[in-house]
Amino acid sequence: MRASAAPLREREFRFLFVGRTVSVAGSAIAPIALAFAVLELTDSLSALGLVLAARTVPQIAFLLLGGVWADRLPRHLVMVGSNVVSGVAQGAVAVLLLTDVAELWHLIALQLVAGASAAFFFPASAGIVPQVVPRA
């Protein structure tokens, strides 16, 4: 096996790799789907900007706090907890949209939650690879 693929021999790294791949794919697709949903719901670019900003602002605001927690708690628990919170928020968005009861404030509030959870995920994920792959 090539040296660049050597970490894939490690069971923990394979789990991390698959989990991060699914997480990143979901995090990349969610704003696209959300943009179409907001435009369908409101037909307003300003509303779309508010919803997308509602995810970005808490992500930036809580990033340092997320880093502190990632250093003090087990990183994998911070990552899993963050992904669960984000998944629940995105699931609630989906349910609201599919049942035609979504309002703009619902989407903004849920994106605030998802953005705050991302602020905890990224610092924890940045430092976890050395914990699951042997130094060699």
N, C-alpha and C. Protein backbone atom coordinates (compact mmCIF):
# COMPACT_ATOMS: atom_id res chain seq x y z
N MET A 1 0.85 -1.17 0.00
CA MET A 1 0.00 0.00 0.00
C MET A 1 0.90 1.24 0.00
N ARG A 2 0.51 2.23 -0.77
CA ARG A 2 1.29 3.46 -0.84
C ARG A 2 1.29 4.15 0.52
N ALA A 3 2.35 4.90 0.77
CA ALA A 3 2.50 5.57 2.06
C ALA A 3 1.34 6.54 2.33
N SER A 4 0.83 7.20 1.28
CA SER A 4 -0.25 8.15 1.48
C SER A 4 -1.55 7.47 1.90
N ALA A 5 -1.71 6.20 1.59
CA ALA A 5 -2.92 5.47 1.97
C ALA A 5 -2.72 4.64 3.24
N ALA A 6 -1.53 4.68 3.81
CA ALA A 6 -1.23 3.87 4.99
C ALA A 6 -2.18 4.12 6.17
N PRO A 7 -2.62 5.34 6.42
CA PRO A 7 -3.56 5.54 7.54
C PRO A 7 -4.85 4.74 7.39
N LEU A 8 -5.23 4.40 6.16
CA LEU A 8 -6.46 3.64 5.97
C LEU A 8 -6.37 2.22 6.53
N ARG A 9 -5.17 1.78 6.87
CA ARG A 9 -5.01 0.48 7.52
C ARG A 9 -5.54 0.51 8.95
N GLU A 10 -5.57 1.68 9.53
CA GLU A 10 -6.01 1.84 10.91
C GLU A 10 -7.54 1.91 10.98
N ARG A 11 -8.11 1.03 11.78
CA ARG A 11 -9.57 0.94 11.91
C ARG A 11 -10.18 2.28 12.33
N GLU A 12 -9.60 2.93 13.35
CA GLU A 12 -10.15 4.18 13.85
C GLU A 12 -10.11 5.26 12.78
N PHE A 13 -9.02 5.29 12.00
CA PHE A 13 -8.94 6.29 10.94
C PHE A 13 -9.97 6.03 9.85
N ARG A 14 -10.21 4.76 9.52
CA ARG A 14 -11.24 4.44 8.51
C ARG A 14 -12.60 4.95 8.97
N PHE A 15 -12.92 4.71 10.24
CA PHE A 15 -14.19 5.22 10.77
C PHE A 15 -14.24 6.75 10.69
N LEU A 16 -13.16 7.39 11.08
CA LEU A 16 -13.09 8.85 11.02
C LEU A 16 -13.24 9.33 9.59
N PHE A 17 -12.56 8.68 8.67
CA PHE A 17 -12.60 9.08 7.26
C PHE A 17 -14.03 8.97 6.70
N VAL A 18 -14.68 7.87 6.96
CA VAL A 18 -16.05 7.69 6.45
C VAL A 18 -16.99 8.68 7.12
N GLY A 19 -16.87 8.84 8.43
CA GLY A 19 -17.73 9.78 9.15
C GLY A 19 -17.54 11.20 8.68
N ARG A 20 -16.30 11.61 8.51
CA ARG A 20 -16.03 12.99 8.04
C ARG A 20 -16.52 13.18 6.61
N THR A 21 -16.38 12.15 5.77
CA THR A 21 -16.85 12.26 4.39
C THR A 21 -18.36 12.48 4.36
N VAL A 22 -19.09 11.70 5.14
CA VAL A 22 -20.55 11.86 5.20
C VAL A 22 -20.91 13.23 5.77
N SER A 23 -20.21 13.63 6.82
CA SER A 23 -20.48 14.91 7.46
C SER A 23 -20.22 16.08 6.51
N VAL A 24 -19.09 16.04 5.83
CA VAL A 24 -18.75 17.13 4.92
C VAL A 24 -19.73 17.17 3.74
N ALA A 25 -20.10 16.01 3.23
CA ALA A 25 -21.07 15.97 2.13
C ALA A 25 -22.39 16.58 2.56
N GLY A 26 -22.87 16.20 3.74
CA GLY A 26 -24.12 16.77 4.24
C GLY A 26 -24.02 18.26 4.48
N SER A 27 -22.89 18.69 5.03
CA SER A 27 -22.70 20.11 5.30
C SER A 27 -22.57 20.93 4.02
N ALA A 28 -22.10 20.30 2.95
CA ALA A 28 -21.98 21.01 1.68
C ALA A 28 -23.31 21.08 0.94
N ILE A 29 -24.11 20.04 1.07
CA ILE A 29 -25.38 19.99 0.34
C ILE A 29 -26.48 20.80 1.04
N ALA A 30 -26.45 20.83 2.36
CA ALA A 30 -27.51 21.49 3.13
C ALA A 30 -27.73 22.95 2.72
N PRO A 31 -26.68 23.79 2.59
CA PRO A 31 -26.94 25.18 2.21
C PRO A 31 -27.54 25.33 0.80
N ILE A 32 -27.21 24.42 -0.08
CA ILE A 32 -27.77 24.48 -1.43
C ILE A 32 -29.26 24.19 -1.38
N ALA A 33 -29.62 23.10 -0.69
CA ALA A 33 -31.04 22.76 -0.55
C ALA A 33 -31.78 23.86 0.20
N LEU A 34 -31.13 24.39 1.22
CA LEU A 34 -31.75 25.45 2.01
C LEU A 34 -31.99 26.70 1.16
N ALA A 35 -31.05 27.03 0.30
CA ALA A 35 -31.22 28.20 -0.58
C ALA A 35 -32.46 28.04 -1.46
N PHE A 36 -32.62 26.88 -2.06
CA PHE A 36 -33.80 26.65 -2.89
C PHE A 36 -35.08 26.71 -2.05
N ALA A 37 -35.02 26.16 -0.84
CA ALA A 37 -36.20 26.18 0.03
C ALA A 37 -36.58 27.60 0.43
N VAL A 38 -35.59 28.40 0.79
CA VAL A 38 -35.88 29.79 1.20
C VAL A 38 -36.43 30.58 0.02
N LEU A 39 -35.85 30.40 -1.15
CA LEU A 39 -36.36 31.12 -2.32
C LEU A 39 -37.78 30.68 -2.68
N GLU A 40 -38.05 29.40 -2.53
CA GLU A 40 -39.41 28.89 -2.78
C GLU A 40 -40.39 29.45 -1.75
N LEU A 41 -39.95 29.53 -0.51
CA LEU A 41 -40.81 29.98 0.58
C LEU A 41 -41.07 31.48 0.54
N THR A 42 -40.02 32.26 0.26
CA THR A 42 -40.14 33.72 0.38
C THR A 42 -39.97 34.48 -0.92
N ASP A 43 -39.31 33.87 -1.89
CA ASP A 43 -38.99 34.54 -3.16
C ASP A 43 -38.20 35.83 -2.91
N SER A 44 -37.34 35.80 -1.88
CA SER A 44 -36.60 36.99 -1.49
C SER A 44 -35.12 36.67 -1.31
N LEU A 45 -34.29 37.41 -2.03
CA LEU A 45 -32.85 37.24 -1.86
C LEU A 45 -32.38 37.74 -0.50
N SER A 46 -33.05 38.76 0.02
CA SER A 46 -32.70 39.26 1.35
C SER A 46 -32.96 38.20 2.41
N ALA A 47 -34.08 37.50 2.29
CA ALA A 47 -34.38 36.43 3.23
C ALA A 47 -33.34 35.32 3.13
N LEU A 48 -32.92 35.01 1.93
CA LEU A 48 -31.88 34.00 1.74
C LEU A 48 -30.59 34.43 2.42
N GLY A 49 -30.23 35.69 2.26
CA GLY A 49 -29.04 36.21 2.92
C GLY A 49 -29.13 36.13 4.44
N LEU A 50 -30.30 36.40 4.99
CA LEU A 50 -30.50 36.31 6.44
C LEU A 50 -30.33 34.88 6.93
N VAL A 51 -30.90 33.93 6.20
CA VAL A 51 -30.81 32.53 6.62
C VAL A 51 -29.37 32.04 6.55
N LEU A 52 -28.68 32.37 5.48
CA LEU A 52 -27.29 31.92 5.35
C LEU A 52 -26.39 32.62 6.37
N ALA A 53 -26.66 33.89 6.64
CA ALA A 53 -25.89 34.61 7.66
C ALA A 53 -26.17 34.03 9.05
N ALA A 54 -27.38 33.55 9.25
CA ALA A 54 -27.74 32.98 10.54
C ALA A 54 -26.91 31.74 10.85
N ARG A 55 -26.41 31.08 9.84
CA ARG A 55 -25.52 29.94 10.07
C ARG A 55 -24.08 30.40 10.27
N THR A 56 -23.67 31.41 9.52
CA THR A 56 -22.27 31.84 9.53
C THR A 56 -21.90 32.64 10.78
N VAL A 57 -22.76 33.53 11.21
CA VAL A 57 -22.43 34.41 12.34
C VAL A 57 -22.15 33.63 13.62
N PRO A 58 -23.01 32.68 14.04
CA PRO A 58 -22.67 31.95 15.27
C PRO A 58 -21.46 31.03 15.09
N GLN A 59 -21.23 30.58 13.87
CA GLN A 59 -20.05 29.76 13.63
C GLN A 59 -18.79 30.56 13.93
N ILE A 60 -18.76 31.79 13.50
CA ILE A 60 -17.61 32.66 13.77
C ILE A 60 -17.59 33.08 15.24
N ALA A 61 -18.75 33.42 15.78
CA ALA A 61 -18.81 33.92 17.15
C ALA A 61 -18.40 32.87 18.19
N PHE A 62 -18.71 31.61 17.94
CA PHE A 62 -18.44 30.56 18.93
C PHE A 62 -17.22 29.72 18.61
N LEU A 63 -16.47 30.08 17.59
CA LEU A 63 -15.33 29.26 17.18
C LEU A 63 -14.27 29.14 18.28
N LEU A 64 -13.95 30.22 18.95
CA LEU A 64 -12.97 30.15 20.04
C LEU A 64 -13.47 29.30 21.20
N LEU A 65 -14.73 29.45 21.55
CA LEU A 65 -15.31 28.64 22.61
C LEU A 65 -15.30 27.16 22.20
N GLY A 66 -15.59 26.88 20.94
CA GLY A 66 -15.53 25.52 20.44
C GLY A 66 -14.13 24.95 20.55
N GLY A 67 -13.14 25.76 20.30
CA GLY A 67 -11.75 25.32 20.43
C GLY A 67 -11.39 25.00 21.87
N VAL A 68 -11.88 25.80 22.79
CA VAL A 68 -11.64 25.55 24.21
C VAL A 68 -12.26 24.21 24.62
N TRP A 69 -13.50 23.99 24.21
CA TRP A 69 -14.17 22.73 24.55
C TRP A 69 -13.46 21.55 23.91
N ALA A 70 -13.00 21.73 22.69
CA ALA A 70 -12.31 20.64 21.99
C ALA A 70 -11.01 20.27 22.69
N ASP A 71 -10.38 21.24 23.34
CA ASP A 71 -9.14 20.97 24.07
C ASP A 71 -9.40 20.35 25.44
N ARG A 72 -10.57 20.61 26.01
CA ARG A 72 -10.85 20.15 27.37
C ARG A 72 -11.65 18.85 27.44
N LEU A 73 -12.40 18.55 26.39
CA LEU A 73 -13.22 17.34 26.35
C LEU A 73 -12.67 16.38 25.30
N PRO A 74 -13.05 15.12 25.36
CA PRO A 74 -12.62 14.20 24.31
C PRO A 74 -13.12 14.69 22.94
N ARG A 75 -12.20 14.83 22.03
CA ARG A 75 -12.52 15.41 20.71
C ARG A 75 -13.63 14.64 20.00
N HIS A 76 -13.56 13.32 20.09
CA HIS A 76 -14.57 12.55 19.37
C HIS A 76 -15.97 12.80 19.92
N LEU A 77 -16.08 13.04 21.22
CA LEU A 77 -17.39 13.34 21.79
C LEU A 77 -17.90 14.71 21.36
N VAL A 78 -17.00 15.67 21.27
CA VAL A 78 -17.38 17.00 20.79
C VAL A 78 -17.85 16.91 19.34
N MET A 79 -17.13 16.13 18.53
CA MET A 79 -17.51 15.99 17.12
C MET A 79 -18.86 15.29 16.97
N VAL A 80 -19.04 14.20 17.69
CA VAL A 80 -20.30 13.46 17.60
C VAL A 80 -21.45 14.32 18.11
N GLY A 81 -21.26 14.96 19.25
CA GLY A 81 -22.30 15.83 19.79
C GLY A 81 -22.67 16.95 18.84
N SER A 82 -21.67 17.55 18.25
CA SER A 82 -21.91 18.62 17.30
C SER A 82 -22.67 18.12 16.08
N ASN A 83 -22.28 16.96 15.57
CA ASN A 83 -22.98 16.41 14.41
C ASN A 83 -24.41 16.03 14.74
N VAL A 84 -24.65 15.54 15.95
CA VAL A 84 -26.02 15.20 16.35
C VAL A 84 -26.87 16.47 16.40
N VAL A 85 -26.35 17.51 17.02
CA VAL A 85 -27.09 18.78 17.11
C VAL A 85 -27.38 19.32 15.71
N SER A 86 -26.37 19.32 14.86
CA SER A 86 -26.55 19.81 13.50
C SER A 86 -27.56 18.95 12.73
N GLY A 87 -27.47 17.63 12.90
CA GLY A 87 -28.40 16.73 12.23
C GLY A 87 -29.84 16.96 12.67
N VAL A 88 -30.03 17.19 13.98
CA VAL A 88 -31.37 17.45 14.49
C VAL A 88 -31.90 18.77 13.91
N ALA A 89 -31.04 19.78 13.88
CA ALA A 89 -31.46 21.07 13.32
C ALA A 89 -31.83 20.94 11.85
N GLN A 90 -31.00 20.25 11.07
CA GLN A 90 -31.29 20.10 9.65
C GLN A 90 -32.50 19.20 9.44
N GLY A 91 -32.66 18.19 10.29
CA GLY A 91 -33.84 17.35 10.21
C GLY A 91 -35.12 18.13 10.50
N ALA A 92 -35.04 19.02 11.48
CA ALA A 92 -36.20 19.86 11.79
C ALA A 92 -36.53 20.78 10.62
N VAL A 93 -35.51 21.32 9.97
CA VAL A 93 -35.74 22.13 8.76
C VAL A 93 -36.48 21.29 7.72
N ALA A 94 -36.01 20.08 7.50
CA ALA A 94 -36.63 19.21 6.50
C ALA A 94 -38.09 18.92 6.84
N VAL A 95 -38.35 18.60 8.10
CA VAL A 95 -39.73 18.30 8.51
C VAL A 95 -40.62 19.53 8.32
N LEU A 96 -40.14 20.69 8.74
CA LEU A 96 -40.93 21.91 8.57
C LEU A 96 -41.22 22.20 7.10
N LEU A 97 -40.22 22.00 6.26
CA LEU A 97 -40.42 22.27 4.83
C LEU A 97 -41.34 21.24 4.18
N LEU A 98 -41.15 19.98 4.53
CA LEU A 98 -41.97 18.92 3.92
C LEU A 98 -43.42 18.96 4.37
N THR A 99 -43.67 19.50 5.56
CA THR A 99 -45.04 19.61 6.05
C THR A 99 -45.66 20.97 5.73
N ASP A 100 -44.95 21.79 4.99
CA ASP A 100 -45.43 23.12 4.57
C ASP A 100 -45.82 24.03 5.73
N VAL A 101 -45.12 23.92 6.84
CA VAL A 101 -45.38 24.82 7.96
C VAL A 101 -44.19 25.73 8.24
N ALA A 102 -43.15 25.63 7.45
CA ALA A 102 -41.94 26.43 7.69
C ALA A 102 -42.20 27.91 7.48
N GLU A 103 -41.66 28.68 8.39
CA GLU A 103 -41.66 30.13 8.25
C GLU A 103 -40.21 30.58 8.29
N LEU A 104 -39.96 31.78 7.84
CA LEU A 104 -38.60 32.28 7.76
C LEU A 104 -37.91 32.24 9.12
N TRP A 105 -38.60 32.62 10.17
CA TRP A 105 -37.97 32.64 11.50
C TRP A 105 -37.57 31.24 11.95
N HIS A 106 -38.33 30.21 11.54
CA HIS A 106 -37.94 28.83 11.87
C HIS A 106 -36.58 28.51 11.27
N LEU A 107 -36.44 28.86 10.00
CA LEU A 107 -35.20 28.54 9.29
C LEU A 107 -34.03 29.31 9.88
N ILE A 108 -34.26 30.56 10.22
CA ILE A 108 -33.19 31.37 10.82
C ILE A 108 -32.77 30.77 12.16
N ALA A 109 -33.73 30.45 13.00
CA ALA A 109 -33.42 29.91 14.33
C ALA A 109 -32.67 28.58 14.22
N LEU A 110 -33.10 27.72 13.33
CA LEU A 110 -32.44 26.42 13.18
C LEU A 110 -31.05 26.55 12.57
N GLN A 111 -30.85 27.54 11.74
CA GLN A 111 -29.50 27.76 11.18
C GLN A 111 -28.58 28.37 12.23
N LEU A 112 -29.12 29.15 13.16
CA LEU A 112 -28.31 29.63 14.28
C LEU A 112 -27.78 28.44 15.09
N VAL A 113 -28.63 27.47 15.32
CA VAL A 113 -28.23 26.27 16.06
C VAL A 113 -27.18 25.48 15.28
N ALA A 114 -27.43 25.28 13.99
CA ALA A 114 -26.49 24.52 13.15
C ALA A 114 -25.14 25.23 13.07
N GLY A 115 -25.15 26.54 12.97
CA GLY A 115 -23.89 27.29 12.91
C GLY A 115 -23.12 27.21 14.21
N ALA A 116 -23.82 27.28 15.32
CA ALA A 116 -23.15 27.16 16.62
C ALA A 116 -22.54 25.77 16.78
N SER A 117 -23.26 24.75 16.32
CA SER A 117 -22.72 23.39 16.45
C SER A 117 -21.48 23.22 15.57
N ALA A 118 -21.46 23.85 14.41
CA ALA A 118 -20.29 23.76 13.53
C ALA A 118 -19.07 24.41 14.18
N ALA A 119 -19.30 25.43 14.98
CA ALA A 119 -18.19 26.10 15.66
C ALA A 119 -17.50 25.18 16.66
N PHE A 120 -18.19 24.16 17.12
CA PHE A 120 -17.59 23.20 18.03
C PHE A 120 -16.97 22.03 17.27
N PHE A 121 -17.56 21.71 16.12
CA PHE A 121 -17.07 20.57 15.34
C PHE A 121 -15.68 20.83 14.76
N PHE A 122 -15.49 21.94 14.10
CA PHE A 122 -14.27 22.16 13.35
C PHE A 122 -13.00 22.19 14.21
N PRO A 123 -12.98 22.86 15.36
CA PRO A 123 -11.75 22.79 16.17
C PRO A 123 -11.46 21.37 16.66
N ALA A 124 -12.51 20.63 17.00
CA ALA A 124 -12.30 19.26 17.46
C ALA A 124 -11.77 18.38 16.33
N SER A 125 -12.30 18.57 15.14
CA SER A 125 -11.89 17.73 14.01
C SER A 125 -10.47 18.04 13.56
N ALA A 126 -10.04 19.26 13.78
CA ALA A 126 -8.68 19.64 13.36
C ALA A 126 -7.61 18.90 14.15
N GLY A 127 -7.91 18.54 15.38
CA GLY A 127 -6.90 17.91 16.22
C GLY A 127 -7.09 16.42 16.44
N ILE A 128 -8.04 15.81 15.76
CA ILE A 128 -8.31 14.41 16.08
C ILE A 128 -7.46 13.42 15.27
N VAL A 129 -6.99 13.81 14.08
CA VAL A 129 -6.22 12.86 13.26
C VAL A 129 -5.00 12.35 13.98
N PRO A 130 -4.21 13.18 14.63
CA PRO A 130 -3.04 12.62 15.36
C PRO A 130 -3.44 11.65 16.48
N GLN A 131 -4.67 11.72 16.95
CA GLN A 131 -5.12 10.82 18.00
C GLN A 131 -5.52 9.45 17.48
N VAL A 132 -5.83 9.35 16.19
CA VAL A 132 -6.29 8.07 15.64
C VAL A 132 -5.29 7.40 14.71
N VAL A 133 -4.23 8.11 14.35
CA VAL A 133 -3.21 7.53 13.45
C VAL A 133 -1.89 7.49 14.20
N PRO A 134 -1.24 6.32 14.21
CA PRO A 134 0.07 6.24 14.87
C PRO A 134 1.07 7.19 14.22
N ARG A 135 1.98 7.68 15.02
CA ARG A 135 2.97 8.65 14.53
C ARG A 135 3.74 8.10 13.33
N ALA A 136 4.09 6.83 13.35
CA ALA A 136 4.87 6.24 12.25
C ALA A 136 4.08 6.32 10.96
